[in-house]
Amino acid sequence: MVRKNWIVIVCCVALVAMVCAVSYAEKAEKSSIPAAIEAAIKALIPNAILGEGGKEQEPVNVYEVKIKDGSKEADVTVSEDGTAINAEYTETINDMPPAVAAAVKAQNAEAKGVERVVEYAQIKVVKLGAPVTSYDVEVVKDGKKMAMTIAEDGKILKQEVMKEEEEKDEEKGEQKGEHEGEHEDKD
């Protein structure tokens, strides 16, 4: 009887050890960012605190990493060889340069969300001579949700009506952000 209890205990301990090992391996695999990628991000944004990240399949393999630089958060995309592709910062409407705000106002639209996109290379991984900054702005114009891309000088680069599916995705993202904000206030 005692021997059966010991066998059961040993089996349980072995099972727990295997589950822990698999869980640890999955965590390590998810958060493993190659040194070249970390170095490229630190070269772009020296004070960045790296968060979650992982490899994504594009025409070339890239890593998208969430970072925090002071109070700002961003998603930074870097190719496998360490070439910075872009950084996307979530910003407030008040952070837009006057020319970008004027471009939105000239469209008789109301900005609902702003994302500053700094492009360092194109996905073909062609390194740019100098970074190119634009703003992705969600607006409501004539009762329709629209997505606009505006250059830092106020020139509208792209403008399109959002499809219902995109609107639903955006609303889900906004709700998630609101809930995260509520959680942060409680801490």
C-alpha atoms as a PDB file:
ATOM      1  CA  MET A   1       0.000   0.000   0.000  1.00  0.00           C
ATOM      2  CA  VAL A   2       2.812   2.402   0.940  1.00  0.00           C
ATOM      3  CA  ARG A   3       4.656   1.494  -2.244  1.00  0.00           C
ATOM      4  CA  LYS A   4       1.579   2.392  -4.384  1.00  0.00           C
ATOM      5  CA  ASN A   5       1.358   5.807  -2.679  1.00  0.00           C
ATOM      6  CA  TRP A   6       5.023   6.492  -3.436  1.00  0.00           C
ATOM      7  CA  ILE A   7       4.538   5.523  -7.080  1.00  0.00           C
ATOM      8  CA  VAL A   8       1.563   7.881  -7.373  1.00  0.00           C
ATOM      9  CA  ILE A   9       3.512  10.709  -5.703  1.00  0.00           C
ATOM     10  CA  VAL A  10       6.550  10.209  -7.973  1.00  0.00           C
ATOM     11  CA  CYS A  11       4.304  10.164 -11.068  1.00  0.00           C
ATOM     12  CA  CYS A  12       2.568  13.385  -9.972  1.00  0.00           C
ATOM     13  CA  VAL A  13       5.874  15.146  -9.337  1.00  0.00           C
ATOM     14  CA  ALA A  14       7.204  14.015 -12.730  1.00  0.00           C
ATOM     15  CA  LEU A  15       4.036  15.251 -14.459  1.00  0.00           C
ATOM     16  CA  VAL A  16       4.244  18.665 -12.751  1.00  0.00           C
ATOM     17  CA  ALA A  17       7.938  18.951 -13.698  1.00  0.00           C
ATOM     18  CA  MET A  18       7.155  18.172 -17.359  1.00  0.00           C
ATOM     19  CA  VAL A  19       4.304  20.721 -17.482  1.00  0.00           C
ATOM     20  CA  CYS A  20       6.548  23.391 -15.930  1.00  0.00           C
ATOM     21  CA  ALA A  21       9.371  22.637 -18.368  1.00  0.00           C
ATOM     22  CA  VAL A  22       7.062  22.876 -21.395  1.00  0.00           C
ATOM     23  CA  SER A  23       5.507  26.097 -20.100  1.00  0.00           C
ATOM     24  CA  TYR A  24       8.934  27.655 -19.466  1.00  0.00           C
ATOM     25  CA  ALA A  25      10.164  26.612 -22.921  1.00  0.00           C
ATOM     26  CA  GLU A  26       7.121  28.185 -24.601  1.00  0.00           C
ATOM     27  CA  LYS A  27       7.616  31.439 -22.656  1.00  0.00           C
ATOM     28  CA  ALA A  28      11.303  31.566 -23.528  1.00  0.00           C
ATOM     29  CA  GLU A  29      10.502  30.892 -27.192  1.00  0.00           C
ATOM     30  CA  LYS A  30       7.839  33.639 -27.354  1.00  0.00           C
ATOM     31  CA  SER A  31      10.003  36.334 -25.799  1.00  0.00           C
ATOM     32  CA  SER A  32      13.306  35.434 -27.403  1.00  0.00           C
ATOM     33  CA  ILE A  33      14.463  38.380 -29.460  1.00  0.00           C
ATOM     34  CA  PRO A  34      17.822  38.000 -31.233  1.00  0.00           C
ATOM     35  CA  ALA A  35      20.650  40.267 -30.131  1.00  0.00           C
ATOM     36  CA  ALA A  36      20.788  41.986 -33.565  1.00  0.00           C
ATOM     37  CA  ILE A  37      17.136  42.979 -33.191  1.00  0.00           C
ATOM     38  CA  GLU A  38      17.646  44.313 -29.645  1.00  0.00           C
ATOM     39  CA  ALA A  39      20.729  46.262 -30.769  1.00  0.00           C
ATOM     40  CA  ALA A  40      18.863  47.805 -33.722  1.00  0.00           C
ATOM     41  CA  ILE A  41      16.009  48.951 -31.469  1.00  0.00           C
ATOM     42  CA  LYS A  42      18.428  50.356 -28.868  1.00  0.00           C
ATOM     43  CA  ALA A  43      20.269  52.235 -31.653  1.00  0.00           C
ATOM     44  CA  LEU A  44      16.965  53.838 -32.742  1.00  0.00           C
ATOM     45  CA  ILE A  45      15.506  54.461 -29.301  1.00  0.00           C
ATOM     46  CA  PRO A  46      18.246  54.271 -26.644  1.00  0.00           C
ATOM     47  CA  ASN A  47      15.870  54.439 -23.645  1.00  0.00           C
ATOM     48  CA  ALA A  48      13.486  51.788 -25.013  1.00  0.00           C
ATOM     49  CA  ILE A  49      12.359  49.078 -22.629  1.00  0.00           C
ATOM     50  CA  LEU A  50      11.633  46.021 -24.754  1.00  0.00           C
ATOM     51  CA  GLY A  51       8.404  44.126 -24.200  1.00  0.00           C
ATOM     52  CA  GLU A  52       6.784  41.240 -26.025  1.00  0.00           C
ATOM     53  CA  GLY A  53       8.044  40.457 -29.489  1.00  0.00           C
ATOM     54  CA  GLY A  54       8.275  37.768 -32.054  1.00  0.00           C
ATOM     55  CA  LYS A  55       9.052  36.843 -35.621  1.00  0.00           C
ATOM     56  CA  GLU A  56       6.467  37.589 -38.290  1.00  0.00           C
ATOM     57  CA  GLN A  57       6.344  36.193 -41.792  1.00  0.00           C
ATOM     58  CA  GLU A  58       6.498  38.982 -44.374  1.00  0.00           C
ATOM     59  CA  PRO A  59       8.225  38.979 -47.752  1.00  0.00           C
ATOM     60  CA  VAL A  60      11.248  38.912 -45.444  1.00  0.00           C
ATOM     61  CA  ASN A  61      11.304  37.707 -41.839  1.00  0.00           C
ATOM     62  CA  VAL A  62      10.795  40.590 -39.434  1.00  0.00           C
ATOM     63  CA  TYR A  63      10.416  41.020 -35.707  1.00  0.00           C
ATOM     64  CA  GLU A  64       7.743  43.270 -34.262  1.00  0.00           C
ATOM     65  CA  VAL A  65       8.548  44.319 -30.706  1.00  0.00           C
ATOM     66  CA  LYS A  66       6.491  46.396 -28.276  1.00  0.00           C
ATOM     67  CA  ILE A  67       8.654  48.988 -26.552  1.00  0.00           C
ATOM     68  CA  LYS A  68       8.255  51.724 -24.002  1.00  0.00           C
ATOM     69  CA  ASP A  69      10.276  54.930 -24.298  1.00  0.00           C
ATOM     70  CA  GLY A  70       9.501  57.048 -21.266  1.00  0.00           C
ATOM     71  CA  SER A  71       5.736  57.528 -21.322  1.00  0.00           C
ATOM     72  CA  LYS A  72       5.361  56.628 -25.007  1.00  0.00           C
ATOM     73  CA  GLU A  73       4.659  53.130 -26.291  1.00  0.00           C
ATOM     74  CA  ALA A  74       5.439  51.889 -29.781  1.00  0.00           C
ATOM     75  CA  ASP A  75       5.603  48.845 -32.005  1.00  0.00           C
ATOM     76  CA  VAL A  76       9.011  48.632 -33.687  1.00  0.00           C
ATOM     77  CA  THR A  77       9.550  46.409 -36.730  1.00  0.00           C
ATOM     78  CA  VAL A  78      13.092  45.203 -37.462  1.00  0.00           C
ATOM     79  CA  SER A  79      14.314  42.761 -40.117  1.00  0.00           C
ATOM     80  CA  GLU A  80      16.257  39.639 -39.155  1.00  0.00           C
ATOM     81  CA  ASP A  81      19.562  41.292 -40.036  1.00  0.00           C
ATOM     82  CA  GLY A  82      18.865  44.186 -37.639  1.00  0.00           C
ATOM     83  CA  THR A  83      17.654  46.777 -40.177  1.00  0.00           C
ATOM     84  CA  ALA A  84      15.026  49.011 -38.582  1.00  0.00           C
ATOM     85  CA  ILE A  85      11.918  49.127 -40.775  1.00  0.00           C
ATOM     86  CA  ASN A  86       9.509  51.313 -38.809  1.00  0.00           C
ATOM     87  CA  ALA A  87       8.251  52.460 -35.437  1.00  0.00           C
ATOM     88  CA  GLU A  88       4.548  53.083 -34.822  1.00  0.00           C
ATOM     89  CA  TYR A  89       3.741  55.350 -31.857  1.00  0.00           C
ATOM     90  CA  THR A  90       0.239  55.723 -30.446  1.00  0.00           C
ATOM     91  CA  GLU A  91      -0.248  59.425 -29.858  1.00  0.00           C
ATOM     92  CA  THR A  92      -2.920  61.850 -28.792  1.00  0.00           C
ATOM     93  CA  ILE A  93      -4.624  64.259 -31.125  1.00  0.00           C
ATOM     94  CA  ASN A  94      -2.776  67.106 -29.377  1.00  0.00           C
ATOM     95  CA  ASP A  95       0.578  65.534 -30.360  1.00  0.00           C
ATOM     96  CA  MET A  96      -0.053  66.093 -34.087  1.00  0.00           C
ATOM     97  CA  PRO A  97       2.066  68.795 -35.720  1.00  0.00           C
ATOM     98  CA  PRO A  98       0.058  71.898 -36.683  1.00  0.00           C
ATOM     99  CA  ALA A  99       0.289  71.040 -40.403  1.00  0.00           C
ATOM    100  CA  VAL A 100      -1.204  67.568 -39.811  1.00  0.00           C
ATOM    101  CA  ALA A 101      -3.982  69.011 -37.625  1.00  0.00           C
ATOM    102  CA  ALA A 102      -4.695  71.628 -40.321  1.00  0.00           C
ATOM    103  CA  ALA A 103      -4.940  68.890 -42.977  1.00  0.00           C
ATOM    104  CA  VAL A 104      -7.535  67.055 -40.872  1.00  0.00           C
ATOM    105  CA  LYS A 105      -9.438  70.294 -40.235  1.00  0.00           C
ATOM    106  CA  ALA A 106      -9.374  71.164 -43.961  1.00  0.00           C
ATOM    107  CA  GLN A 107     -11.214  67.889 -44.606  1.00  0.00           C
ATOM    108  CA  ASN A 108     -14.018  68.971 -42.224  1.00  0.00           C
ATOM    109  CA  ALA A 109     -13.251  65.825 -40.247  1.00  0.00           C
ATOM    110  CA  GLU A 110     -12.858  64.990 -36.570  1.00  0.00           C
ATOM    111  CA  ALA A 111      -9.745  63.016 -35.591  1.00  0.00           C
ATOM    112  CA  LYS A 112     -10.580  59.930 -33.511  1.00  0.00           C
ATOM    113  CA  GLY A 113      -7.166  58.304 -33.226  1.00  0.00           C
ATOM    114  CA  VAL A 114      -3.573  59.103 -34.159  1.00  0.00           C
ATOM    115  CA  GLU A 115      -0.613  56.867 -34.807  1.00  0.00           C
ATOM    116  CA  ARG A 116       2.747  58.402 -35.734  1.00  0.00           C
ATOM    117  CA  VAL A 117       4.640  56.141 -38.119  1.00  0.00           C
ATOM    118  CA  VAL A 118       8.376  56.674 -38.563  1.00  0.00           C
ATOM    119  CA  GLU A 119       9.631  54.668 -41.523  1.00  0.00           C
ATOM    120  CA  TYR A 120      13.337  53.821 -41.700  1.00  0.00           C
ATOM    121  CA  ALA A 121      13.258  51.244 -44.503  1.00  0.00           C
ATOM    122  CA  GLN A 122      10.604  49.743 -46.740  1.00  0.00           C
ATOM    123  CA  ILE A 123       9.581  46.130 -46.375  1.00  0.00           C
ATOM    124  CA  LYS A 124      11.822  45.281 -49.306  1.00  0.00           C
ATOM    125  CA  VAL A 125      14.448  46.159 -46.717  1.00  0.00           C
ATOM    126  CA  VAL A 126      15.817  49.059 -48.690  1.00  0.00           C
ATOM    127  CA  LYS A 127      17.438  51.347 -46.130  1.00  0.00           C
ATOM    128  CA  LEU A 128      16.257  54.944 -46.479  1.00  0.00           C
ATOM    129  CA  GLY A 129      18.727  57.832 -46.444  1.00  0.00           C
ATOM    130  CA  ALA A 130      16.697  59.585 -43.753  1.00  0.00           C
ATOM    131  CA  PRO A 131      13.686  58.553 -41.664  1.00  0.00           C
ATOM    132  CA  VAL A 132      10.257  59.438 -43.114  1.00  0.00           C
ATOM    133  CA  THR A 133       7.534  60.361 -40.615  1.00  0.00           C
ATOM    134  CA  SER A 134       3.802  60.272 -41.329  1.00  0.00           C
ATOM    135  CA  TYR A 135       0.637  60.203 -39.241  1.00  0.00           C
ATOM    136  CA  ASP A 136      -2.153  57.628 -39.524  1.00  0.00           C
ATOM    137  CA  VAL A 137      -5.284  59.444 -38.408  1.00  0.00           C
ATOM    138  CA  GLU A 138      -8.758  57.970 -38.002  1.00  0.00           C
ATOM    139  CA  VAL A 139     -11.434  60.561 -38.698  1.00  0.00           C
ATOM    140  CA  VAL A 140     -15.195  60.819 -39.011  1.00  0.00           C
ATOM    141  CA  LYS A 141     -16.223  62.760 -42.098  1.00  0.00           C
ATOM    142  CA  ASP A 142     -19.822  63.097 -43.226  1.00  0.00           C
ATOM    143  CA  GLY A 143     -20.777  60.349 -40.767  1.00  0.00           C
ATOM    144  CA  LYS A 144     -18.264  57.854 -42.211  1.00  0.00           C
ATOM    145  CA  LYS A 145     -15.140  56.560 -40.489  1.00  0.00           C
ATOM    146  CA  MET A 146     -12.069  57.178 -42.594  1.00  0.00           C
ATOM    147  CA  ALA A 147      -8.364  56.403 -42.336  1.00  0.00           C
ATOM    148  CA  MET A 148      -5.930  59.062 -43.483  1.00  0.00           C
ATOM    149  CA  THR A 149      -2.156  59.039 -43.816  1.00  0.00           C
ATOM    150  CA  ILE A 150      -0.728  62.549 -43.596  1.00  0.00           C
ATOM    151  CA  ALA A 151       2.903  63.600 -44.076  1.00  0.00           C
ATOM    152  CA  GLU A 152       4.552  65.679 -41.386  1.00  0.00           C
ATOM    153  CA  ASP A 153       4.209  68.755 -43.648  1.00  0.00           C
ATOM    154  CA  GLY A 154       0.409  68.266 -43.871  1.00  0.00           C
ATOM    155  CA  LYS A 155       0.262  66.674 -47.328  1.00  0.00           C
ATOM    156  CA  ILE A 156      -2.411  63.954 -47.469  1.00  0.00           C
ATOM    157  CA  LEU A 157      -0.697  60.809 -48.719  1.00  0.00           C
ATOM    158  CA  LYS A 158      -3.636  58.402 -48.502  1.00  0.00           C
ATOM    159  CA  GLN A 159      -7.303  58.612 -47.601  1.00  0.00           C
ATOM    160  CA  GLU A 160      -9.851  55.809 -47.572  1.00  0.00           C
ATOM    161  CA  VAL A 161     -13.231  54.961 -46.092  1.00  0.00           C
ATOM    162  CA  MET A 162     -12.891  52.214 -43.494  1.00  0.00           C
ATOM    163  CA  LYS A 163     -14.779  49.013 -44.169  1.00  0.00           C
ATOM    164  CA  GLU A 164     -17.178  47.690 -41.547  1.00  0.00           C
ATOM    165  CA  GLU A 165     -14.735  44.916 -40.574  1.00  0.00           C
ATOM    166  CA  GLU A 166     -11.951  47.456 -39.981  1.00  0.00           C
ATOM    167  CA  GLU A 167     -14.304  49.623 -37.922  1.00  0.00           C
ATOM    168  CA  LYS A 168     -15.212  46.639 -35.731  1.00  0.00           C
ATOM    169  CA  ASP A 169     -11.510  45.786 -35.268  1.00  0.00           C
ATOM    170  CA  GLU A 170     -10.774  49.409 -34.328  1.00  0.00           C
ATOM    171  CA  GLU A 171     -13.669  49.484 -31.849  1.00  0.00           C
ATOM    172  CA  LYS A 172     -12.417  46.261 -30.242  1.00  0.00           C
ATOM    173  CA  GLY A 173      -8.943  47.806 -29.945  1.00  0.00           C
ATOM    174  CA  GLU A 174     -10.387  50.983 -28.395  1.00  0.00           C
ATOM    175  CA  GLN A 175     -12.428  48.970 -25.897  1.00  0.00           C
ATOM    176  CA  LYS A 176      -9.363  46.901 -24.984  1.00  0.00           C
ATOM    177  CA  GLY A 177      -7.360  50.109 -24.503  1.00  0.00           C
ATOM    178  CA  GLU A 178     -10.105  51.576 -22.306  1.00  0.00           C
ATOM    179  CA  HIS A 179     -10.144  48.455 -20.134  1.00  0.00           C
ATOM    180  CA  GLU A 180      -6.347  48.474 -19.900  1.00  0.00           C
ATOM    181  CA  GLY A 181      -6.464  52.135 -18.847  1.00  0.00           C
ATOM    182  CA  GLU A 182      -9.018  51.312 -16.144  1.00  0.00           C
ATOM    183  CA  HIS A 183      -6.777  48.508 -14.915  1.00  0.00           C
ATOM    184  CA  GLU A 184      -3.761  50.816 -14.791  1.00  0.00           C
ATOM    185  CA  ASP A 185      -5.695  53.404 -12.755  1.00  0.00           C
ATOM    186  CA  LYS A 186      -6.539  50.786 -10.133  1.00  0.00           C
ATOM    187  CA  ASP A 187      -2.878  49.778  -9.633  1.00  0.00           C
END
